[in-house]
């Protein structure tokens, strides 16, 4: 059963009646050390509520645990720090009994605060402690749900930097990528027609080699991947291209993860794509070129031909290319939606709309086909060239996605398939 976050107005009302101020707010000398740092947890209610949500600075997202006791949430500050205060912003599901602990090594812990009479709301707790790691341990829930925090903020001095040093000669483009050759074809679509093999038009799959109508996050994480890097277990699929009614596959599929389309200050706030996120881009049901303004066809090494939402006539010796940009503003809650699109949005005016406030990396899908000549010989399994679309099912390991966002996207550095400059 899905629980909803309080609206900001509702949260304000709750704070007015339920806040317990233990020692007051953080002093002006304190620095927020936890935002954007690596967070881990004993469990999550689902992939929509990862530990990272508690340190993203966004009150519209949250970490939520499984519905059991005990639980913990931990933040790695990156280096040793002096901890002076901790703020817990509880969602409706809070802990009545919990403790706060610090550690220099992540294994030996010192308790700096504990209570058995927690009342939820927002708690700002003065503490005295040192360590690289800070952990919230809960032992008794106050509700039937798990425990849930919109923000877990650690204040003090020290800690490590979140933004890496820009190496000399780095190319200032926010990018990392996965290079994934064609894997297999099936008339399946685990996003649009989950659990219904054969219900879709023919798709060409890239990445996880076992993708089919029954694919889930777990099956993808346990799959082999033909991507470079192979640690990317995500699945990518597109409608199969036919020339003279014979299937033609791209020489490779290149999937760029980019920080663009929003202001630089918002690129610096980019959040990792959540595990299990599904995104669909393009219009498989387009009836003409005007119905699809997202996907583009062009010719490799023949820029004079120009681009079009429909197939183009590429000169002999060139290749037909397809470009497709996926939306990269997320609503911060849902890994999918009924229409498979409304949980995502494209930026407007170099910013994400208020309805979809979380900036995530923009996926750009680039396909290069070994075909040229008369476009009348071409069709997609979904119809004309203007029906080009792409599907993405995220199965990057959480730590690897977070590292690439932190090291490549936020500081605007061009990285290779290994996620390094």
Protein backbone atom coordinates (compact mmCIF):
# COMPACT_ATOMS: atom_id res chain seq x y z
CA UNK A 1 0.00 0.00 0.00
CA UNK A 2 1.51 3.32 -1.04
CA UNK A 3 1.73 6.12 1.48
CA UNK A 4 1.82 9.74 0.42
CA UNK A 5 4.15 12.47 1.65
CA UNK A 6 2.55 15.32 3.54
CA UNK A 7 2.13 18.46 1.50
CA UNK A 8 4.36 21.32 2.66
CA UNK A 9 1.32 22.94 4.25
CA UNK A 10 0.47 19.74 6.05
CA UNK A 11 4.04 19.34 7.18
CA UNK A 12 4.02 22.86 8.52
CA UNK A 13 0.91 22.10 10.56
CA UNK A 14 2.46 18.93 11.89
CA UNK A 15 5.62 20.77 12.91
CA UNK A 16 3.58 23.37 14.74
CA UNK A 17 2.11 20.70 16.99
CA UNK A 18 4.65 17.90 17.09
CA UNK A 19 8.17 19.34 16.93
CA UNK A 20 10.40 18.53 19.83
CA UNK A 21 13.35 20.89 19.96
CA UNK A 22 16.18 19.17 21.76
CA UNK A 23 18.87 21.78 22.25
CA UNK A 24 17.63 24.07 19.45
CA UNK A 25 18.73 24.51 15.86
CA UNK A 26 22.26 24.13 14.57
CA UNK A 27 24.43 27.13 15.39
CA UNK A 28 25.52 29.56 12.70
CA UNK A 29 29.05 28.11 12.87
CA UNK A 30 27.86 24.63 11.94
CA UNK A 31 28.23 23.36 8.38
CA UNK A 32 25.87 20.89 6.78
CA UNK A 33 28.17 17.91 6.16
CA UNK A 34 25.80 15.21 4.98
CA UNK A 35 24.09 16.57 1.88
CA UNK A 36 24.95 14.60 -1.26
CA UNK A 37 27.15 12.15 0.64
CA UNK A 38 26.90 8.38 0.35
CA UNK A 39 24.00 6.97 2.37
CA UNK A 40 23.15 3.32 3.02
CA UNK A 41 20.36 1.64 4.93
CA UNK A 42 19.34 -1.66 6.45
CA UNK A 43 16.38 -1.86 4.03
CA UNK A 44 14.07 0.15 1.80
CA UNK A 45 10.31 -0.04 1.42
CA UNK A 46 10.91 -0.15 -2.35
CA UNK A 47 13.39 1.13 -4.90
CA UNK A 48 11.47 4.42 -4.98
CA UNK A 49 12.66 5.30 -1.46
CA UNK A 50 16.45 4.77 -1.36
CA UNK A 51 18.76 5.93 1.41
CA UNK A 52 20.13 8.65 -0.88
CA UNK A 53 16.78 10.46 -0.69
CA UNK A 54 17.49 11.37 2.95
CA UNK A 55 20.59 13.38 2.04
CA UNK A 56 19.53 14.96 -1.26
CA UNK A 57 18.34 18.29 0.19
CA UNK A 58 14.90 17.76 -1.34
CA UNK A 59 11.99 17.62 1.14
CA UNK A 60 9.85 16.07 -1.59
CA UNK A 61 11.78 12.78 -1.49
CA UNK A 62 12.30 10.34 1.37
CA UNK A 63 13.98 7.18 2.58
CA UNK A 64 11.56 4.59 3.86
CA UNK A 65 12.43 1.25 5.47
CA UNK A 66 10.78 -2.15 5.40
CA UNK A 67 7.87 -2.59 7.81
CA UNK A 68 9.85 -4.17 10.67
CA UNK A 69 12.21 -3.41 13.58
CA UNK A 70 15.11 -2.73 13.94
CA UNK A 71 16.35 -0.52 11.08
CA UNK A 72 19.27 1.80 10.43
CA UNK A 73 20.31 4.63 8.11
CA UNK A 74 23.97 5.56 7.76
CA UNK A 75 25.87 8.43 6.11
CA UNK A 76 29.55 8.42 5.14
CA UNK A 77 30.82 11.99 5.57
CA UNK A 78 33.91 11.21 3.48
CA UNK A 79 36.44 11.96 6.24
CA UNK A 80 36.58 12.45 9.99
CA UNK A 81 34.38 15.21 11.35
CA UNK A 82 33.34 16.85 14.59
CA UNK A 83 29.58 16.41 14.91
CA UNK A 84 27.69 19.16 16.76
CA UNK A 85 24.05 18.61 15.81
CA UNK A 86 21.78 16.28 13.84
CA UNK A 87 18.39 17.11 12.32
CA UNK A 88 15.85 14.38 11.66
CA UNK A 89 12.92 15.34 9.41
CA UNK A 90 10.49 12.49 9.89
CA UNK A 91 7.70 11.61 7.49
CA UNK A 92 4.45 10.43 9.10
CA UNK A 93 6.10 7.07 9.80
CA UNK A 94 8.59 7.77 12.59
CA UNK A 95 10.49 5.90 15.29
CA UNK A 96 9.50 6.09 18.93
CA UNK A 97 12.75 4.50 20.08
CA UNK A 98 16.06 5.30 18.35
CA UNK A 99 19.69 6.20 18.86
CA UNK A 100 22.31 8.23 17.01
CA UNK A 101 25.82 6.80 16.76
CA UNK A 102 29.17 7.85 15.30
CA UNK A 103 32.14 5.83 14.09
CA UNK A 104 35.62 6.44 12.71
CA UNK A 105 35.74 3.16 10.78
CA UNK A 106 32.16 2.02 10.24
CA UNK A 107 32.48 -0.91 12.65
CA UNK A 108 33.09 0.46 16.17
CA UNK A 109 30.27 2.77 17.24
CA UNK A 110 29.73 5.38 19.96
CA UNK A 111 26.22 6.40 20.98
CA UNK A 112 25.79 10.19 21.13
CA UNK A 113 22.02 10.29 21.70
CA UNK A 114 19.15 7.90 22.43
CA UNK A 115 15.47 8.11 23.31
CA UNK A 116 12.47 5.86 23.82
CA UNK A 117 9.91 8.68 23.63
CA UNK A 118 10.32 10.07 20.13
CA UNK A 119 7.28 11.96 18.79
CA UNK A 120 8.25 12.49 15.14
CA UNK A 121 8.09 15.77 13.27
CA UNK A 122 11.39 17.61 12.92
CA UNK A 123 13.97 17.07 15.61
CA UNK A 124 17.16 19.13 15.90
CA UNK A 125 19.43 17.40 18.37
CA UNK A 126 22.65 18.84 19.78
CA UNK A 127 25.33 16.18 20.18
CA UNK A 128 29.01 15.92 20.95
CA UNK A 129 30.86 13.40 18.84
CA UNK A 130 33.46 12.70 16.19
CA UNK A 131 33.65 10.26 13.30
CA UNK A 132 33.42 9.71 9.58
CA UNK A 133 30.17 7.73 9.79
CA UNK A 134 26.90 8.73 11.44
CA UNK A 135 24.12 6.21 11.93
CA UNK A 136 20.49 6.41 12.99
CA UNK A 137 19.39 3.13 14.59
CA UNK A 138 15.66 2.64 15.22
CA UNK A 139 14.34 -0.09 17.50
CA UNK A 140 10.60 0.65 17.83
CA UNK A 141 8.32 2.07 15.16
CA UNK A 142 5.46 4.35 16.10
CA UNK A 143 3.22 3.18 13.24
CA UNK A 144 2.45 0.02 11.30
CA UNK A 145 4.70 1.27 8.49
CA UNK A 146 8.47 1.31 8.34
CA UNK A 147 10.42 4.36 9.45
CA UNK A 148 10.84 7.21 7.01
CA UNK A 149 12.91 10.40 6.81
CA UNK A 150 12.70 13.18 4.25
CA UNK A 151 16.07 14.53 5.45
CA UNK A 152 18.90 13.28 7.69
CA UNK A 153 21.19 16.27 8.24
CA UNK A 154 24.51 16.14 10.09
CA UNK A 155 26.11 19.44 11.09
CA UNK A 156 29.60 20.19 12.33
CA UNK A 157 33.09 20.72 10.96
CA UNK A 158 35.38 18.57 8.85
CA UNK A 159 34.23 15.73 6.66
CA UNK A 160 35.24 15.16 3.05
CA UNK A 161 34.37 17.04 -0.09
CA UNK A 162 31.50 15.79 -2.22
CA UNK A 163 32.69 17.36 -5.45
CA UNK A 164 35.90 15.80 -6.81
CA UNK A 165 38.88 17.88 -7.87
CA UNK A 166 38.72 18.60 -11.58
CA UNK A 167 41.82 16.94 -13.10
CA UNK A 168 44.07 18.94 -15.45
CA UNK A 169 42.94 18.68 -19.04
CA UNK A 170 39.46 17.38 -18.17
CA UNK A 171 36.85 18.01 -20.85
CA UNK A 172 34.11 20.16 -19.31
CA UNK A 173 31.12 18.14 -20.48
CA UNK A 174 28.87 16.40 -17.96
CA UNK A 175 28.87 12.87 -19.32
CA UNK A 176 29.40 9.18 -18.75
CA UNK A 177 28.26 6.39 -21.05
CA UNK A 178 27.55 2.74 -21.69
CA UNK A 179 28.33 1.10 -25.04
CA UNK A 180 25.95 -1.83 -25.49
CA UNK A 181 25.77 -3.94 -28.67
CA UNK A 182 22.61 -5.65 -29.86
CA UNK A 183 21.71 -8.65 -27.70
CA UNK A 184 18.47 -10.24 -28.96
CA UNK A 185 15.03 -9.67 -30.49
CA UNK A 186 11.68 -10.48 -28.92
CA UNK A 187 8.07 -9.29 -29.35
CA UNK A 188 8.15 -8.39 -25.63
CA UNK A 189 8.03 -5.19 -23.61
CA UNK A 190 8.47 -5.55 -19.81
CA UNK A 191 7.35 -1.93 -19.26
CA UNK A 192 4.29 -1.62 -21.49
CA UNK A 193 3.24 -5.30 -21.42
CA UNK A 194 4.82 -6.82 -18.29
CA UNK A 195 4.26 -10.56 -17.96
CA UNK A 196 2.75 -10.82 -21.47
CA UNK A 197 5.24 -12.48 -23.83
CA UNK A 198 4.51 -11.83 -27.50
CA UNK A 199 2.12 -8.94 -26.80
CA UNK A 200 4.34 -6.27 -28.34
CA UNK A 201 5.73 -5.47 -31.76
CA UNK A 202 9.29 -6.70 -32.29
CA UNK A 203 11.94 -5.06 -30.16
CA UNK A 204 15.73 -5.11 -30.32
CA UNK A 205 17.31 -5.38 -26.87
CA UNK A 206 20.65 -4.09 -25.56
CA UNK A 207 22.37 -4.50 -22.19
CA UNK A 208 20.99 -7.25 -19.93
CA UNK A 209 21.00 -10.37 -22.09
CA UNK A 210 18.00 -12.06 -20.45
CA UNK A 211 15.42 -9.28 -20.87
CA UNK A 212 11.93 -10.51 -21.69
CA UNK A 213 8.31 -9.82 -20.76
CA UNK A 214 8.89 -11.14 -17.22
CA UNK A 215 11.97 -9.02 -16.43
CA UNK A 216 12.14 -7.35 -13.01
CA UNK A 217 14.80 -5.39 -11.17
CA UNK A 218 16.04 -8.59 -9.55
CA UNK A 219 16.30 -10.56 -12.79
CA UNK A 220 18.21 -7.71 -14.42
CA UNK A 221 20.62 -7.33 -11.50
CA UNK A 222 21.36 -11.05 -11.75
CA UNK A 223 21.74 -11.01 -15.55
CA UNK A 224 24.78 -11.00 -17.76
CA UNK A 225 25.27 -7.70 -19.57
CA UNK A 226 26.93 -7.11 -22.93
CA UNK A 227 27.52 -3.44 -22.10
CA UNK A 228 30.86 -1.79 -21.66
CA UNK A 229 30.94 -1.43 -18.66
CA UNK A 230 29.46 -4.83 -17.90
CA UNK A 231 28.48 -3.60 -14.44
CA UNK A 232 25.57 -1.82 -16.15
CA UNK A 233 22.81 -4.44 -15.93
CA UNK A 234 20.17 -2.08 -17.30
CA UNK A 235 18.00 -3.04 -20.23
CA UNK A 236 17.47 -0.79 -23.24
CA UNK A 237 15.17 -1.60 -26.14
CA UNK A 238 13.89 -0.07 -29.38
CA UNK A 239 11.56 -1.11 -32.21
CA UNK A 240 13.40 -3.32 -34.68
CA UNK A 241 14.39 -1.67 -37.99
CA UNK A 242 13.63 -3.50 -41.25
CA UNK A 243 15.09 -2.92 -44.71
CA UNK A 244 13.19 -4.71 -47.48
CA UNK A 245 11.38 -6.52 -44.62
CA UNK A 246 14.64 -7.96 -43.28
CA UNK A 247 15.71 -7.00 -39.74
CA UNK A 248 18.77 -4.78 -39.50
CA UNK A 249 20.46 -4.15 -36.17
CA UNK A 250 22.68 -1.21 -35.20
CA UNK A 251 26.42 -1.73 -35.27
CA UNK A 252 26.19 -0.73 -31.60
CA UNK A 253 23.94 1.12 -29.20
CA UNK A 254 25.56 4.02 -27.36
CA UNK A 255 23.80 5.31 -24.26
CA UNK A 256 25.07 8.65 -23.00
CA UNK A 257 24.20 9.90 -19.51
CA UNK A 258 24.38 13.68 -19.61
CA UNK A 259 24.05 16.74 -17.45
CA UNK A 260 22.43 19.26 -19.77
CA UNK A 261 19.16 20.98 -20.48
CA UNK A 262 19.17 22.72 -17.08
CA UNK A 263 21.29 25.46 -15.52
CA UNK A 264 24.74 24.59 -14.19
CA UNK A 265 23.61 25.11 -10.59
CA UNK A 266 20.90 22.49 -11.18
CA UNK A 267 23.37 20.13 -12.85
CA UNK A 268 25.33 20.34 -9.59
CA UNK A 269 22.18 19.05 -7.80
CA UNK A 270 21.65 16.09 -10.13
CA UNK A 271 20.51 12.96 -8.30
CA UNK A 272 21.34 9.38 -9.33
CA UNK A 273 18.74 7.55 -11.38
CA UNK A 274 16.91 5.40 -8.82
CA UNK A 275 17.24 1.63 -9.14
CA UNK A 276 14.25 0.22 -10.99
CA UNK A 277 13.25 3.47 -12.71
CA UNK A 278 11.47 2.90 -16.03
CA UNK A 279 11.45 5.59 -18.73
CA UNK A 280 9.87 5.60 -22.19
CA UNK A 281 10.75 8.28 -24.76
CA UNK A 282 9.32 8.93 -28.23
CA UNK A 283 5.89 8.10 -29.63
CA UNK A 284 5.29 4.54 -30.80
CA UNK A 285 1.76 5.50 -31.86
CA UNK A 286 2.72 8.51 -34.00
CA UNK A 287 0.75 8.74 -37.24
CA UNK A 288 3.07 11.22 -38.92
CA UNK A 289 6.30 13.21 -38.47
CA UNK A 290 4.51 16.00 -36.59
CA UNK A 291 3.51 13.56 -33.84
CA UNK A 292 7.11 12.99 -32.73
CA UNK A 293 9.31 15.99 -32.02
CA UNK A 294 11.79 14.09 -29.83
CA UNK A 295 13.49 11.44 -31.98
CA UNK A 296 15.68 12.39 -34.95
CA UNK A 297 17.18 10.56 -37.93
CA UNK A 298 20.38 11.72 -39.64
CA UNK A 299 23.40 10.36 -41.53
CA UNK A 300 26.83 9.66 -40.04
CA UNK A 301 29.49 11.78 -41.81
CA UNK A 302 26.86 13.41 -44.02
CA UNK A 303 25.69 16.37 -42.01
CA UNK A 304 24.54 18.20 -45.14
CA UNK A 305 21.57 15.80 -45.32
CA UNK A 306 20.14 17.32 -42.14
CA UNK A 307 17.95 15.64 -39.53
CA UNK A 308 14.30 14.68 -39.55
CA UNK A 309 11.73 12.89 -37.36
CA UNK A 310 11.33 10.47 -40.31
CA UNK A 311 13.89 8.39 -42.19
CA UNK A 312 16.39 10.30 -44.35
CA UNK A 313 18.21 9.30 -47.57
CA UNK A 314 21.82 8.69 -46.57
CA UNK A 315 24.55 8.72 -49.28
CA UNK A 316 26.37 5.48 -50.10
CA UNK A 317 29.21 4.81 -47.67
CA UNK A 318 27.46 6.49 -44.73
CA UNK A 319 25.22 5.06 -42.01
CA UNK A 320 21.73 5.92 -40.85
CA UNK A 321 21.69 7.34 -37.33
CA UNK A 322 18.92 7.65 -34.74
CA UNK A 323 19.10 10.07 -31.80
CA UNK A 324 16.63 10.07 -28.93
CA UNK A 325 16.74 12.09 -25.70
CA UNK A 326 14.86 10.80 -22.67
CA UNK A 327 13.15 13.09 -20.12
CA UNK A 328 15.30 13.79 -17.05
CA UNK A 329 13.04 15.52 -14.55
CA UNK A 330 11.59 12.99 -12.08
CA UNK A 331 8.63 13.46 -9.74
CA UNK A 332 10.75 11.99 -6.91
CA UNK A 333 8.19 9.32 -6.02
CA UNK A 334 7.29 6.85 -8.74
CA UNK A 335 9.48 4.39 -10.61
CA UNK A 336 6.77 4.07 -13.27
CA UNK A 337 3.29 5.45 -13.96
CA UNK A 338 0.06 4.25 -15.53
CA UNK A 339 0.93 5.78 -18.91
CA UNK A 340 4.66 5.02 -18.36
CA UNK A 341 5.49 8.68 -18.97
CA UNK A 342 3.81 11.02 -16.48
CA UNK A 343 6.32 10.33 -13.67
CA UNK A 344 8.97 11.98 -15.88
CA UNK A 345 9.11 15.35 -17.64
CA UNK A 346 11.41 17.39 -19.84
CA UNK A 347 12.92 20.64 -18.51
CA UNK A 348 11.23 23.96 -19.22
CA UNK A 349 13.28 27.15 -19.32
CA UNK A 350 16.49 25.37 -18.24
CA UNK A 351 14.87 24.05 -15.07
CA UNK A 352 12.70 21.14 -14.00
CA UNK A 353 9.00 21.92 -13.47
CA UNK A 354 7.70 22.06 -9.90
CA UNK A 355 5.71 18.89 -10.53
CA UNK A 356 8.92 16.99 -11.35
CA UNK A 357 11.57 18.70 -9.20
CA UNK A 358 14.33 16.07 -9.17
CA UNK A 359 17.04 16.44 -11.82
CA UNK A 360 18.50 13.10 -12.93
CA UNK A 361 21.00 12.39 -15.72
CA UNK A 362 19.59 12.72 -19.22
CA UNK A 363 19.80 9.49 -21.20
CA UNK A 364 20.64 9.99 -24.88
CA UNK A 365 20.24 6.93 -27.09
CA UNK A 366 22.32 6.84 -30.28
CA UNK A 367 21.90 4.04 -32.84
CA UNK A 368 23.95 3.66 -36.04
CA UNK A 369 22.63 1.32 -38.70
CA UNK A 370 24.66 -0.09 -41.63
CA UNK A 371 22.10 1.07 -44.19
CA UNK A 372 21.88 3.91 -46.69
CA UNK A 373 19.84 4.88 -49.72
CA UNK A 374 16.12 5.02 -50.39
CA UNK A 375 14.21 5.44 -47.10
CA UNK A 376 11.12 3.89 -48.72
CA UNK A 377 12.83 0.53 -48.19
CA UNK A 378 12.82 1.08 -44.42
CA UNK A 379 10.27 0.61 -41.69
CA UNK A 380 10.22 0.10 -37.95
CA UNK A 381 8.33 -2.69 -36.21
CA UNK A 382 6.12 0.09 -34.82
CA UNK A 383 5.58 1.80 -38.21
CA UNK A 384 7.23 4.75 -39.94
CA UNK A 385 10.50 6.31 -38.85
CA UNK A 386 8.55 8.86 -36.82
CA UNK A 387 7.43 6.06 -34.46
CA UNK A 388 10.99 5.63 -33.19
CA UNK A 389 10.97 5.26 -29.41
CA UNK A 390 13.13 3.89 -26.65
CA UNK A 391 12.58 2.08 -23.37
CA UNK A 392 14.95 2.08 -20.39
CA UNK A 393 14.80 -0.11 -17.27
CA UNK A 394 17.49 1.04 -14.82
CA UNK A 395 19.56 -1.70 -13.20
CA UNK A 396 22.84 0.11 -12.58
CA UNK A 397 24.19 -0.89 -9.15
CA UNK A 398 23.27 1.95 -6.81
CA UNK A 399 26.85 2.70 -5.75
CA UNK A 400 28.13 2.82 -9.35
CA UNK A 401 25.37 5.15 -10.53
CA UNK A 402 25.95 7.42 -7.52
CA UNK A 403 29.72 7.54 -8.15
CA UNK A 404 29.31 8.50 -11.78
CA UNK A 405 26.81 11.22 -10.97
CA UNK A 406 29.12 12.61 -8.29
CA UNK A 407 32.36 12.34 -10.29
CA UNK A 408 31.15 13.15 -13.82
CA UNK A 409 27.76 14.88 -13.93
CA UNK A 410 27.76 17.26 -10.97
CA UNK A 411 31.27 18.72 -11.56
CA UNK A 412 30.70 18.77 -15.39
CA UNK A 413 33.45 16.33 -16.39
CA UNK A 414 33.48 14.08 -19.46
CA UNK A 415 33.99 10.48 -18.35
CA UNK A 416 34.41 7.26 -20.30
CA UNK A 417 32.69 3.92 -19.96
CA UNK A 418 34.62 3.30 -16.72
CA UNK A 419 33.12 6.43 -15.16
CA UNK A 420 36.51 8.14 -14.99
CA UNK A 421 37.74 11.32 -16.75
